[in-house]
C-alpha atoms as a PDB file:
ATOM      1  CA  MET A   1     166.694   7.816  78.371  1.00  0.00           C
ATOM      2  CA  ASN A   2     168.409   9.573  81.286  1.00  0.00           C
ATOM      3  CA  ILE A   3     167.679  12.107  84.032  1.00  0.00           C
ATOM      4  CA  GLN A   4     167.941  15.070  81.645  1.00  0.00           C
ATOM      5  CA  ASP A   5     165.314  13.524  79.373  1.00  0.00           C
ATOM      6  CA  ILE A   6     162.990  13.074  82.359  1.00  0.00           C
ATOM      7  CA  LEU A   7     163.618  16.615  83.644  1.00  0.00           C
ATOM      8  CA  ALA A   8     162.951  18.076  80.190  1.00  0.00           C
ATOM      9  CA  ALA A   9     159.684  16.137  79.927  1.00  0.00           C
ATOM     10  CA  LEU A  10     158.523  17.168  83.397  1.00  0.00           C
ATOM     11  CA  SER A  11     159.453  20.803  82.775  1.00  0.00           C
ATOM     12  CA  THR A  12     157.372  20.884  79.601  1.00  0.00           C
ATOM     13  CA  VAL A  13     154.467  19.285  81.450  1.00  0.00           C
ATOM     14  CA  LEU A  14     154.645  21.969  84.136  1.00  0.00           C
ATOM     15  CA  ASN A  15     154.687  24.624  81.442  1.00  0.00           C
ATOM     16  CA  GLY A  16     151.568  23.117  79.872  1.00  0.00           C
ATOM     17  CA  ILE A  17     149.485  22.910  83.066  1.00  0.00           C
ATOM     18  CA  PRO A  18     148.328  26.579  83.085  1.00  0.00           C
ATOM     19  CA  GLN A  19     147.350  26.349  79.394  1.00  0.00           C
ATOM     20  CA  ALA A  20     145.455  23.128  80.142  1.00  0.00           C
ATOM     21  CA  VAL A  21     143.432  24.899  82.811  1.00  0.00           C
ATOM     22  CA  LEU A  22     142.814  27.713  80.327  1.00  0.00           C
ATOM     23  CA  ALA A  23     141.326  25.142  77.936  1.00  0.00           C
ATOM     24  CA  LEU A  24     138.937  23.971  80.652  1.00  0.00           C
ATOM     25  CA  THR A  25     137.637  27.512  81.117  1.00  0.00           C
ATOM     26  CA  TYR A  26     136.480  27.531  77.467  1.00  0.00           C
ATOM     27  CA  GLY A  27     134.600  24.261  77.909  1.00  0.00           C
ATOM     28  CA  PHE A  28     137.169  21.927  76.337  1.00  0.00           C
ATOM     29  CA  ALA A  29     137.233  18.654  78.269  1.00  0.00           C
ATOM     30  CA  ALA A  30     140.377  17.029  79.648  1.00  0.00           C
ATOM     31  CA  PHE A  31     139.449  13.351  79.112  1.00  0.00           C
ATOM     32  CA  PRO A  32     139.149  13.417  75.313  1.00  0.00           C
ATOM     33  CA  THR A  33     142.129  15.737  74.953  1.00  0.00           C
ATOM     34  CA  ALA A  34     144.197  12.802  76.173  1.00  0.00           C
ATOM     35  CA  LEU A  35     143.404  11.145  72.827  1.00  0.00           C
ATOM     36  CA  GLY A  36     145.239  14.000  71.117  1.00  0.00           C
ATOM     37  CA  PHE A  37     148.338  13.375  73.204  1.00  0.00           C
ATOM     38  CA  PHE A  38     148.294   9.652  72.385  1.00  0.00           C
ATOM     39  CA  ILE A  39     148.082  10.502  68.677  1.00  0.00           C
ATOM     40  CA  GLY A  40     150.979  12.914  69.166  1.00  0.00           C
ATOM     41  CA  CYS A  41     153.056  10.109  70.695  1.00  0.00           C
ATOM     42  CA  ALA A  42     152.296   7.817  67.771  1.00  0.00           C
ATOM     43  CA  GLY A  43     153.044  10.568  65.257  1.00  0.00           C
ATOM     44  CA  MET A  44     156.406  11.468  66.793  1.00  0.00           C
ATOM     45  CA  LEU A  45     157.500   7.842  66.821  1.00  0.00           C
ATOM     46  CA  LEU A  46     156.126   6.994  63.378  1.00  0.00           C
ATOM     47  CA  PHE A  47     157.690  10.018  61.656  1.00  0.00           C
ATOM     48  CA  GLY A  48     160.796  10.213  63.857  1.00  0.00           C
ATOM     49  CA  GLN A  49     160.237  13.858  64.776  1.00  0.00           C
ATOM     50  CA  VAL A  50     161.515  15.867  67.759  1.00  0.00           C
ATOM     51  CA  ALA A  51     158.606  18.341  67.945  1.00  0.00           C
ATOM     52  CA  PRO A  52     155.861  17.283  70.392  1.00  0.00           C
ATOM     53  CA  ILE A  53     152.407  18.792  70.699  1.00  0.00           C
ATOM     54  CA  SER A  54     150.685  20.174  73.764  1.00  0.00           C
ATOM     55  CA  PHE A  55     148.320  22.885  74.920  1.00  0.00           C
ATOM     56  CA  GLN A  56     149.060  26.146  73.112  1.00  0.00           C
ATOM     57  CA  ALA A  57     147.492  29.272  74.598  1.00  0.00           C
ATOM     58  CA  GLU A  58     147.146  31.090  71.248  1.00  0.00           C
ATOM     59  CA  SER A  59     145.033  28.378  69.602  1.00  0.00           C
ATOM     60  CA  ILE A  60     142.949  27.841  72.721  1.00  0.00           C
ATOM     61  CA  VAL A  61     142.106  31.526  73.055  1.00  0.00           C
ATOM     62  CA  LEU A  62     141.435  32.016  69.333  1.00  0.00           C
ATOM     63  CA  ALA A  63     139.123  29.003  69.007  1.00  0.00           C
ATOM     64  CA  GLY A  64     137.544  29.825  72.348  1.00  0.00           C
ATOM     65  CA  THR A  65     136.707  33.408  71.421  1.00  0.00           C
ATOM     66  CA  LEU A  66     135.607  32.726  67.832  1.00  0.00           C
ATOM     67  CA  GLY A  67     133.083  30.132  68.972  1.00  0.00           C
ATOM     68  CA  LYS A  68     130.007  31.478  70.745  1.00  0.00           C
ATOM     69  CA  ASN A  69     129.438  28.275  72.671  1.00  0.00           C
ATOM     70  CA  ARG A  70     131.117  24.951  73.407  1.00  0.00           C
ATOM     71  CA  SER A  71     129.632  23.214  70.369  1.00  0.00           C
ATOM     72  CA  GLU A  72     130.919  25.892  67.995  1.00  0.00           C
ATOM     73  CA  ARG A  73     134.360  25.853  69.580  1.00  0.00           C
ATOM     74  CA  LEU A  74     134.627  22.092  69.200  1.00  0.00           C
ATOM     75  CA  SER A  75     133.478  22.327  65.573  1.00  0.00           C
ATOM     76  CA  ILE A  76     136.127  24.944  64.813  1.00  0.00           C
ATOM     77  CA  VAL A  77     138.898  22.803  66.313  1.00  0.00           C
ATOM     78  CA  LEU A  78     137.595  19.648  64.589  1.00  0.00           C
ATOM     79  CA  PHE A  79     137.456  21.087  61.067  1.00  0.00           C
ATOM     80  CA  ALA A  80     140.680  23.067  61.508  1.00  0.00           C
ATOM     81  CA  GLY A  81     142.407  19.845  62.556  1.00  0.00           C
ATOM     82  CA  ILE A  82     141.117  17.965  59.520  1.00  0.00           C
ATOM     83  CA  LEU A  83     142.161  20.773  57.160  1.00  0.00           C
ATOM     84  CA  MET A  84     145.627  21.023  58.703  1.00  0.00           C
ATOM     85  CA  ALA A  85     146.147  17.253  58.461  1.00  0.00           C
ATOM     86  CA  VAL A  86     145.213  17.384  54.767  1.00  0.00           C
ATOM     87  CA  LEU A  87     147.621  20.276  54.160  1.00  0.00           C
ATOM     88  CA  GLY A  88     150.381  18.340  55.892  1.00  0.00           C
ATOM     89  CA  ALA A  89     149.642  15.179  53.916  1.00  0.00           C
ATOM     90  CA  PHE A  90     150.009  17.097  50.642  1.00  0.00           C
ATOM     91  CA  GLY A  91     153.314  18.660  51.735  1.00  0.00           C
ATOM     92  CA  ALA A  92     151.938  22.201  51.788  1.00  0.00           C
ATOM     93  CA  LEU A  93     153.907  23.509  54.771  1.00  0.00           C
ATOM     94  CA  ASN A  94     157.290  22.283  53.565  1.00  0.00           C
ATOM     95  CA  ALA A  95     156.489  23.969  50.271  1.00  0.00           C
ATOM     96  CA  VAL A  96     155.768  27.176  52.185  1.00  0.00           C
ATOM     97  CA  THR A  97     159.058  27.019  54.089  1.00  0.00           C
ATOM     98  CA  GLY A  98     160.938  26.401  50.844  1.00  0.00           C
ATOM     99  CA  PHE A  99     159.230  29.371  49.219  1.00  0.00           C
ATOM    100  CA  ILE A 100     159.797  31.893  52.020  1.00  0.00           C
ATOM    101  CA  GLY A 101     163.514  31.098  52.275  1.00  0.00           C
ATOM    102  CA  THR A 102     166.118  31.309  55.027  1.00  0.00           C
ATOM    103  CA  ALA A 103     165.889  35.051  55.687  1.00  0.00           C
ATOM    104  CA  ILE A 104     162.169  35.044  56.439  1.00  0.00           C
ATOM    105  CA  LEU A 105     162.190  31.719  58.277  1.00  0.00           C
ATOM    106  CA  SER A 106     165.086  32.751  60.522  1.00  0.00           C
ATOM    107  CA  SER A 107     163.474  36.131  61.109  1.00  0.00           C
ATOM    108  CA  MET A 108     160.177  34.513  62.093  1.00  0.00           C
ATOM    109  CA  MET A 109     162.042  32.494  64.704  1.00  0.00           C
ATOM    110  CA  ALA A 110     163.879  35.612  65.900  1.00  0.00           C
ATOM    111  CA  GLY A 111     160.504  37.336  66.236  1.00  0.00           C
ATOM    112  CA  VAL A 112     159.255  34.399  68.271  1.00  0.00           C
ATOM    113  CA  GLY A 113     162.330  34.855  70.463  1.00  0.00           C
ATOM    114  CA  ILE A 114     161.231  38.430  71.203  1.00  0.00           C
ATOM    115  CA  MET A 115     157.711  37.168  71.946  1.00  0.00           C
ATOM    116  CA  LEU A 116     159.097  34.647  74.430  1.00  0.00           C
ATOM    117  CA  ALA A 117     161.331  37.184  76.160  1.00  0.00           C
ATOM    118  CA  LYS A 118     158.507  39.733  76.421  1.00  0.00           C
ATOM    119  CA  CYS A 119     156.173  37.077  77.770  1.00  0.00           C
ATOM    120  CA  GLY A 120     158.711  36.296  80.491  1.00  0.00           C
ATOM    121  CA  ILE A 121     158.989  39.977  81.427  1.00  0.00           C
ATOM    122  CA  ASP A 122     155.200  40.385  81.440  1.00  0.00           C
ATOM    123  CA  MET A 123     154.908  37.422  83.806  1.00  0.00           C
ATOM    124  CA  VAL A 124     157.228  39.137  86.266  1.00  0.00           C
ATOM    125  CA  LYS A 125     154.973  42.202  86.110  1.00  0.00           C
ATOM    126  CA  GLU A 126     151.886  40.042  86.706  1.00  0.00           C
ATOM    127  CA  ASP A 127     153.282  38.372  89.826  1.00  0.00           C
ATOM    128  CA  HIS A 128     156.455  39.885  91.232  1.00  0.00           C
ATOM    129  CA  LEU A 129     157.058  36.989  93.605  1.00  0.00           C
ATOM    130  CA  ALA A 130     156.541  33.953  91.352  1.00  0.00           C
ATOM    131  CA  GLY A 131     157.852  35.657  88.212  1.00  0.00           C
ATOM    132  CA  GLY A 132     160.713  37.396  89.995  1.00  0.00           C
ATOM    133  CA  VAL A 133     161.925  34.237  91.724  1.00  0.00           C
ATOM    134  CA  SER A 134     161.688  32.311  88.443  1.00  0.00           C
ATOM    135  CA  PHE A 135     163.572  35.070  86.612  1.00  0.00           C
ATOM    136  CA  ALA A 136     166.369  35.365  89.180  1.00  0.00           C
ATOM    137  CA  SER A 137     166.840  31.637  89.786  1.00  0.00           C
ATOM    138  CA  GLY A 138     166.680  30.904  86.050  1.00  0.00           C
ATOM    139  CA  LEU A 139     169.410  33.402  85.210  1.00  0.00           C
ATOM    140  CA  ILE A 140     171.644  32.159  88.033  1.00  0.00           C
ATOM    141  CA  VAL A 141     171.291  28.486  87.072  1.00  0.00           C
ATOM    142  CA  TYR A 142     171.743  29.189  83.365  1.00  0.00           C
ATOM    143  CA  PHE A 143     174.925  31.225  83.710  1.00  0.00           C
ATOM    144  CA  LEU A 144     176.374  28.713  86.153  1.00  0.00           C
ATOM    145  CA  SER A 145     175.479  25.601  84.166  1.00  0.00           C
ATOM    146  CA  LYS A 146     174.767  26.789  80.584  1.00  0.00           C
ATOM    147  CA  ASN A 147     172.167  23.993  80.680  1.00  0.00           C
ATOM    148  CA  LEU A 148     168.608  24.984  79.794  1.00  0.00           C
ATOM    149  CA  ILE A 149     167.098  21.754  81.121  1.00  0.00           C
ATOM    150  CA  TYR A 150     168.411  22.408  84.618  1.00  0.00           C
ATOM    151  CA  THR A 151     167.465  26.058  84.209  1.00  0.00           C
ATOM    152  CA  VAL A 152     163.786  25.386  83.532  1.00  0.00           C
ATOM    153  CA  ALA A 153     163.534  22.601  86.116  1.00  0.00           C
ATOM    154  CA  VAL A 154     165.098  24.579  88.964  1.00  0.00           C
ATOM    155  CA  SER A 155     163.379  27.892  88.206  1.00  0.00           C
ATOM    156  CA  VAL A 156     159.904  26.324  87.897  1.00  0.00           C
ATOM    157  CA  VAL A 157     160.268  24.273  91.083  1.00  0.00           C
ATOM    158  CA  ILE A 158     161.680  27.093  93.222  1.00  0.00           C
ATOM    159  CA  SER A 159     159.155  29.702  92.072  1.00  0.00           C
ATOM    160  CA  SER A 160     156.256  27.238  92.473  1.00  0.00           C
ATOM    161  CA  VAL A 161     157.320  26.364  96.026  1.00  0.00           C
ATOM    162  CA  VAL A 162     157.663  30.009  97.012  1.00  0.00           C
ATOM    163  CA  TRP A 163     154.337  30.911  95.379  1.00  0.00           C
ATOM    164  CA  SER A 164     152.528  27.966  96.999  1.00  0.00           C
ATOM    165  CA  LEU A 165     153.810  28.872 100.460  1.00  0.00           C
ATOM    166  CA  ARG A 166     152.499  32.409 100.017  1.00  0.00           C
ATOM    167  CA  ASN A 167     149.117  31.167  98.782  1.00  0.00           C
ATOM    168  CA  LYS A 168     148.724  28.040 100.904  1.00  0.00           C
ATOM    169  CA  GLN A 169     145.359  28.954 102.403  1.00  0.00           C
ATOM    170  CA  LYS A 170     144.000  30.139  99.050  1.00  0.00           C
ATOM    171  CA  ASN A 171     145.168  26.936  97.373  1.00  0.00           C
ATOM    172  CA  ASP A 172     143.454  24.797  99.998  1.00  0.00           C
ATOM    173  CA  GLN A 173     140.188  26.632  99.407  1.00  0.00           C
ATOM    174  CA  GLN A 174     140.371  26.138  95.635  1.00  0.00           C
ATOM    175  CA  ALA A 175     140.876  22.387  95.496  1.00  0.00           C
ATOM    176  CA  ASN A 176     138.222  21.895  92.851  1.00  0.00           C
ATOM    177  CA  TYR A 177     137.896  25.265  91.132  1.00  0.00           C
ATOM    178  CA  ALA A 178     137.943  23.851  87.588  1.00  0.00           C
ATOM    179  CA  ASP A 179     134.659  22.733  86.026  1.00  0.00           C
ATOM    180  CA  MET A 180     134.949  19.000  85.360  1.00  0.00           C
ATOM    181  CA  GLY A 181     131.340  18.564  84.237  1.00  0.00           C
ATOM    182  CA  ASN A 182     132.302  17.743  80.642  1.00  0.00           C
ATOM    183  CA  GLU A 183     134.764  15.002  81.575  1.00  0.00           C
ATOM    184  CA  ARG A 184     133.427  12.109  79.530  1.00  0.00           C
ATOM    185  CA  PHE A 185     133.898  10.622  76.082  1.00  0.00           C
ATOM    186  CA  HIS A 186     130.969  11.699  73.961  1.00  0.00           C
ATOM    187  CA  ILE A 187     130.891  12.230  70.198  1.00  0.00           C
ATOM    188  CA  VAL A 188     130.022  15.844  69.499  1.00  0.00           C
ATOM    189  CA  LYS A 189     127.819  16.626  66.509  1.00  0.00           C
ATOM    190  CA  PRO A 190     129.760  19.192  64.447  1.00  0.00           C
ATOM    191  CA  GLN A 191     128.261  22.410  63.131  1.00  0.00           C
ATOM    192  CA  MET A 192     129.150  24.469  60.068  1.00  0.00           C
ATOM    193  CA  SER A 193     128.177  27.893  58.778  1.00  0.00           C
ATOM    194  CA  LEU A 194     129.844  30.655  56.830  1.00  0.00           C
ATOM    195  CA  ARG A 195     130.896  32.343  60.072  1.00  0.00           C
ATOM    196  CA  LEU A 196     132.342  29.105  61.451  1.00  0.00           C
ATOM    197  CA  LEU A 197     134.138  28.471  58.152  1.00  0.00           C
ATOM    198  CA  ARG A 198     135.872  31.836  58.473  1.00  0.00           C
ATOM    199  CA  SER A 199     136.755  30.902  62.049  1.00  0.00           C
ATOM    200  CA  VAL A 200     138.233  27.586  60.899  1.00  0.00           C
ATOM    201  CA  LEU A 201     140.399  29.383  58.337  1.00  0.00           C
ATOM    202  CA  ALA A 202     141.520  31.896  60.975  1.00  0.00           C
ATOM    203  CA  VAL A 203     142.618  29.101  63.294  1.00  0.00           C
ATOM    204  CA  CYS A 204     144.412  27.367  60.400  1.00  0.00           C
ATOM    205  CA  THR A 205     146.399  30.467  59.500  1.00  0.00           C
ATOM    206  CA  LEU A 206     147.525  30.794  63.098  1.00  0.00           C
ATOM    207  CA  GLN A 207     148.518  27.130  63.173  1.00  0.00           C
ATOM    208  CA  ILE A 208     150.452  27.344  59.897  1.00  0.00           C
ATOM    209  CA  GLY A 209     152.645  30.103  61.284  1.00  0.00           C
ATOM    210  CA  GLY A 210     152.904  28.401  64.659  1.00  0.00           C
ATOM    211  CA  ASN A 211     153.815  24.994  63.251  1.00  0.00           C
ATOM    212  CA  ILE A 212     156.565  26.469  61.093  1.00  0.00           C
ATOM    213  CA  ALA A 213     158.017  28.717  63.795  1.00  0.00           C
ATOM    214  CA  TYR A 214     157.427  26.774  67.022  1.00  0.00           C
ATOM    215  CA  ALA A 215     158.337  23.349  65.660  1.00  0.00           C
ATOM    216  CA  GLY A 216     161.314  24.981  63.954  1.00  0.00           C
ATOM    217  CA  VAL A 217     162.585  26.410  67.241  1.00  0.00           C
ATOM    218  CA  THR A 218     162.232  23.023  68.958  1.00  0.00           C
ATOM    219  CA  GLY A 219     164.158  21.487  66.062  1.00  0.00           C
ATOM    220  CA  GLN A 220     166.912  24.070  66.487  1.00  0.00           C
ATOM    221  CA  LEU A 221     167.138  23.272  70.194  1.00  0.00           C
ATOM    222  CA  ALA A 222     167.509  19.591  69.299  1.00  0.00           C
ATOM    223  CA  ALA A 223     169.933  20.394  66.447  1.00  0.00           C
ATOM    224  CA  GLN A 224     167.725  18.313  64.154  1.00  0.00           C
ATOM    225  CA  LYS A 225     165.714  19.255  61.086  1.00  0.00           C
ATOM    226  CA  VAL A 226     161.971  19.142  61.632  1.00  0.00           C
ATOM    227  CA  ASN A 227     159.616  18.068  58.845  1.00  0.00           C
ATOM    228  CA  VAL A 228     156.815  20.545  59.486  1.00  0.00           C
ATOM    229  CA  ASP A 229     154.391  18.601  57.278  1.00  0.00           C
ATOM    230  CA  PHE A 230     154.754  15.512  59.448  1.00  0.00           C
ATOM    231  CA  VAL A 231     154.210  17.636  62.576  1.00  0.00           C
ATOM    232  CA  THR A 232     151.138  19.160  60.928  1.00  0.00           C
ATOM    233  CA  ILE A 233     149.705  15.736  60.115  1.00  0.00           C
ATOM    234  CA  TYR A 234     149.837  14.404  63.666  1.00  0.00           C
ATOM    235  CA  SER A 235     148.899  17.696  65.307  1.00  0.00           C
ATOM    236  CA  GLY A 236     145.922  18.051  62.943  1.00  0.00           C
ATOM    237  CA  LEU A 237     144.754  14.488  63.562  1.00  0.00           C
ATOM    238  CA  ALA A 238     145.195  15.029  67.292  1.00  0.00           C
ATOM    239  CA  ASP A 239     143.016  18.151  67.161  1.00  0.00           C
ATOM    240  CA  ALA A 240     140.317  16.373  65.153  1.00  0.00           C
ATOM    241  CA  ALA A 241     140.172  13.315  67.429  1.00  0.00           C
ATOM    242  CA  SER A 242     140.240  15.432  70.578  1.00  0.00           C
ATOM    243  CA  ALA A 243     137.495  17.822  69.446  1.00  0.00           C
ATOM    244  CA  LEU A 244     135.278  15.038  68.062  1.00  0.00           C
ATOM    245  CA  PHE A 245     134.910  13.709  71.602  1.00  0.00           C
ATOM    246  CA  GLY A 246     134.799  17.112  73.331  1.00  0.00           C
ATOM    247  CA  GLY A 247     138.474  17.901  73.904  1.00  0.00           C
ATOM    248  CA  GLY A 248     140.605  20.932  73.135  1.00  0.00           C
ATOM    249  CA  PRO A 249     143.329  21.782  70.606  1.00  0.00           C
ATOM    250  CA  VAL A 250     146.866  20.457  70.994  1.00  0.00           C
ATOM    251  CA  GLU A 251     149.433  22.124  68.769  1.00  0.00           C
ATOM    252  CA  ALA A 252     153.134  22.360  68.070  1.00  0.00           C
ATOM    253  CA  ILE A 253     154.909  24.152  70.905  1.00  0.00           C
ATOM    254  CA  ILE A 254     158.376  25.383  71.734  1.00  0.00           C
ATOM    255  CA  SER A 255     159.338  22.466  73.935  1.00  0.00           C
ATOM    256  CA  SER A 256     162.230  22.098  76.338  1.00  0.00           C
ATOM    257  CA  THR A 257     162.296  18.408  75.354  1.00  0.00           C
ATOM    258  CA  GLY A 258     164.237  19.600  72.301  1.00  0.00           C
ATOM    259  CA  LEU A 259     167.136  20.224  74.682  1.00  0.00           C
ATOM    260  CA  ALA A 260     167.144  16.650  75.973  1.00  0.00           C
ATOM    261  CA  PRO A 261     169.823  14.144  74.934  1.00  0.00           C
ATOM    262  CA  HIS A 262     167.046  12.030  73.382  1.00  0.00           C
ATOM    263  CA  PRO A 263     164.484  14.637  72.246  1.00  0.00           C
ATOM    264  CA  THR A 264     162.027  12.226  70.630  1.00  0.00           C
ATOM    265  CA  ALA A 265     161.898   9.969  73.683  1.00  0.00           C
ATOM    266  CA  ALA A 266     161.586  12.997  75.984  1.00  0.00           C
ATOM    267  CA  GLY A 267     158.766  14.431  73.869  1.00  0.00           C
ATOM    268  CA  VAL A 268     156.857  11.149  73.911  1.00  0.00           C
ATOM    269  CA  LEU A 269     157.339  10.856  77.685  1.00  0.00           C
ATOM    270  CA  MET A 270     156.030  14.392  78.155  1.00  0.00           C
ATOM    271  CA  MET A 271     152.865  13.673  76.171  1.00  0.00           C
ATOM    272  CA  LEU A 272     152.264  10.387  78.004  1.00  0.00           C
ATOM    273  CA  ILE A 273     152.565  12.143  81.368  1.00  0.00           C
ATOM    274  CA  MET A 274     150.173  14.863  80.234  1.00  0.00           C
ATOM    275  CA  ALA A 275     147.674  12.249  79.001  1.00  0.00           C
ATOM    276  CA  ILE A 276     147.793  10.470  82.359  1.00  0.00           C
ATOM    277  CA  ILE A 277     147.198  13.747  84.198  1.00  0.00           C
ATOM    278  CA  LEU A 278     144.149  14.433  82.046  1.00  0.00           C
ATOM    279  CA  LEU A 279     142.714  10.926  82.363  1.00  0.00           C
ATOM    280  CA  THR A 280     143.104  10.798  86.158  1.00  0.00           C
ATOM    281  CA  LYS A 281     141.470  14.207  86.742  1.00  0.00           C
ATOM    282  CA  ALA A 282     144.633  15.359  88.478  1.00  0.00           C
ATOM    283  CA  LEU A 283     144.859  18.563  86.414  1.00  0.00           C
ATOM    284  CA  PRO A 284     143.028  20.975  88.767  1.00  0.00           C
ATOM    285  CA  LYS A 285     144.869  19.652  91.822  1.00  0.00           C
ATOM    286  CA  ILE A 286     148.314  20.018  90.259  1.00  0.00           C
ATOM    287  CA  ALA A 287     147.452  23.439  88.829  1.00  0.00           C
ATOM    288  CA  ARG A 288     146.825  24.785  92.337  1.00  0.00           C
ATOM    289  CA  TYR A 289     150.553  24.667  93.026  1.00  0.00           C
ATOM    290  CA  ILE A 290     152.026  25.804  89.706  1.00  0.00           C
ATOM    291  CA  PRO A 291     151.595  29.474  88.767  1.00  0.00           C
ATOM    292  CA  SER A 292     151.900  30.309  85.102  1.00  0.00           C
ATOM    293  CA  GLN A 293     154.586  32.840  86.057  1.00  0.00           C
ATOM    294  CA  SER A 294     156.900  30.016  87.191  1.00  0.00           C
ATOM    295  CA  ILE A 295     158.124  29.712  83.600  1.00  0.00           C
ATOM    296  CA  ALA A 296     159.088  33.405  83.305  1.00  0.00           C
ATOM    297  CA  GLY A 297     162.836  32.951  83.698  1.00  0.00           C
ATOM    298  CA  PHE A 298     163.054  30.133  81.193  1.00  0.00           C
ATOM    299  CA  LEU A 299     161.003  32.015  78.594  1.00  0.00           C
ATOM    300  CA  PHE A 300     163.218  35.087  78.850  1.00  0.00           C
ATOM    301  CA  ILE A 301     166.455  33.111  78.603  1.00  0.00           C
ATOM    302  CA  LEU A 302     165.163  30.952  75.762  1.00  0.00           C
ATOM    303  CA  GLY A 303     163.927  33.962  73.799  1.00  0.00           C
ATOM    304  CA  ALA A 304     166.557  36.617  74.479  1.00  0.00           C
ATOM    305  CA  ILE A 305     169.699  34.510  74.786  1.00  0.00           C
ATOM    306  CA  VAL A 306     169.113  31.285  72.841  1.00  0.00           C
ATOM    307  CA  VAL A 307     166.601  31.887  70.038  1.00  0.00           C
ATOM    308  CA  PHE A 308     166.830  35.556  69.073  1.00  0.00           C
ATOM    309  CA  PRO A 309     170.566  36.301  68.547  1.00  0.00           C
ATOM    310  CA  SER A 310     171.507  33.503  66.130  1.00  0.00           C
ATOM    311  CA  ASN A 311     168.298  33.668  64.094  1.00  0.00           C
ATOM    312  CA  ALA A 312     168.290  37.454  63.867  1.00  0.00           C
ATOM    313  CA  LEU A 313     171.902  37.416  62.683  1.00  0.00           C
ATOM    314  CA  ALA A 314     171.144  34.778  60.032  1.00  0.00           C
ATOM    315  CA  GLY A 315     168.170  36.719  58.728  1.00  0.00           C
ATOM    316  CA  ILE A 316     169.844  40.145  58.719  1.00  0.00           C
ATOM    317  CA  GLN A 317     172.944  38.833  56.972  1.00  0.00           C
ATOM    318  CA  GLU A 318     170.805  37.645  54.067  1.00  0.00           C
ATOM    319  CA  SER A 319     168.438  40.634  53.818  1.00  0.00           C
ATOM    320  CA  SER A 320     168.378  43.310  56.508  1.00  0.00           C
ATOM    321  CA  VAL A 321     165.172  45.029  55.322  1.00  0.00           C
ATOM    322  CA  VAL A 322     163.128  41.845  54.866  1.00  0.00           C
ATOM    323  CA  SER A 323     164.475  40.438  58.103  1.00  0.00           C
ATOM    324  CA  GLY A 324     163.780  43.596  60.102  1.00  0.00           C
ATOM    325  CA  VAL A 325     160.149  43.785  58.978  1.00  0.00           C
ATOM    326  CA  THR A 326     159.562  40.065  59.529  1.00  0.00           C
ATOM    327  CA  ILE A 327     161.064  40.134  63.026  1.00  0.00           C
ATOM    328  CA  LEU A 328     159.072  43.151  64.178  1.00  0.00           C
ATOM    329  CA  VAL A 329     155.739  42.056  62.711  1.00  0.00           C
ATOM    330  CA  THR A 330     156.145  38.521  64.059  1.00  0.00           C
ATOM    331  CA  ALA A 331     156.999  39.843  67.506  1.00  0.00           C
ATOM    332  CA  THR A 332     154.097  42.294  67.631  1.00  0.00           C
ATOM    333  CA  ILE A 333     151.359  40.278  65.883  1.00  0.00           C
ATOM    334  CA  ASP A 334     152.037  36.578  65.155  1.00  0.00           C
ATOM    335  CA  PRO A 335     154.338  34.364  63.017  1.00  0.00           C
ATOM    336  CA  PHE A 336     151.873  33.960  60.146  1.00  0.00           C
ATOM    337  CA  VAL A 337     151.392  37.707  59.637  1.00  0.00           C
ATOM    338  CA  GLY A 338     155.144  38.147  60.036  1.00  0.00           C
ATOM    339  CA  MET A 339     155.740  35.589  57.303  1.00  0.00           C
ATOM    340  CA  ILE A 340     153.285  37.294  54.920  1.00  0.00           C
ATOM    341  CA  SER A 341     154.837  40.690  55.655  1.00  0.00           C
ATOM    342  CA  GLY A 342     158.302  39.373  54.886  1.00  0.00           C
ATOM    343  CA  VAL A 343     157.156  37.873  51.579  1.00  0.00           C
ATOM    344  CA  LEU A 344     155.490  41.149  50.553  1.00  0.00           C
ATOM    345  CA  VAL A 345     158.543  43.252  51.436  1.00  0.00           C
ATOM    346  CA  ARG A 346     160.803  40.848  49.558  1.00  0.00           C
ATOM    347  CA  ALA A 347     158.580  41.137  46.487  1.00  0.00           C
ATOM    348  CA  VAL A 348     158.547  44.943  46.651  1.00  0.00           C
ATOM    349  CA  THR A 349     162.311  45.260  47.142  1.00  0.00           C
ATOM    350  CA  ALA A 350     162.913  42.896  44.230  1.00  0.00           C
ATOM    351  CA  LEU A 351     160.989  45.272  41.960  1.00  0.00           C
ATOM    352  CA  LEU A 352     162.894  48.367  43.052  1.00  0.00           C
END
């Protein structure tokens, strides 16, 4: 492990802090979520994978909005985690990737690239100072170094410092703005109903598309093939263990640790750091100084320059129509719907 591994791990941690705070707002506790990160560490090492798990805004928001209260939200995450782990154990996701083929898979990743780039631009619109500084410094560092690890580290640090200086008084007044009332290990009694079952299936469909696309992008960054079933097993078990004791979902993410010289070691280090932050109640204090917009420059560069061009070209070269539909639907809705759209278009064009 070297300095680039450490920088990649720290950068991914900083990226996950705003999503972690988002999880707290839906009633998911930090303490038990640390269990999910420990399971992620064990899973990465056991299966030799390069794709770590962390807080993922999409899953947090979906589970948080589908559940009417904290108990329902935890039940949704718990049962979705169990179902996903079972699907991974039976090799379902690798079967899906084999069925959809290169054109659709590459196009899904290209669509994710557009999502990342747009997210970066939107962050600049949300906060011109933090997002703008991140955007400008990220582009400068990337074109000077061609190194994404240094790009994300420098852009996040500079934009966070500038943002914190502007908001120093506000930050001091908000030292304990997050609700830490649920911070204890306590087994939650799960609920189930027809409505919650539909919610569980909705979360699973999102996670299927996310695991295939997000873990795939991290694998591309690491230049290593990812076994999405293995990732699904340890991410599903992490969700189930976390939610059983009151914690939130932790899913496959697009991680800058994939860029590290030792991506597995960097991913494990990232998850250990995140677990320590959660267990020590340091999350709200750290979050005061890291705006979500600090990652804007990295997201744009990763999406528009690194992920989109090569994947779009690979997809279009195989099937321009299928690829075009898959890219656009993925970018405007989500990877799972993009995947289904690509399969349907491929079936229709094969009949014509």
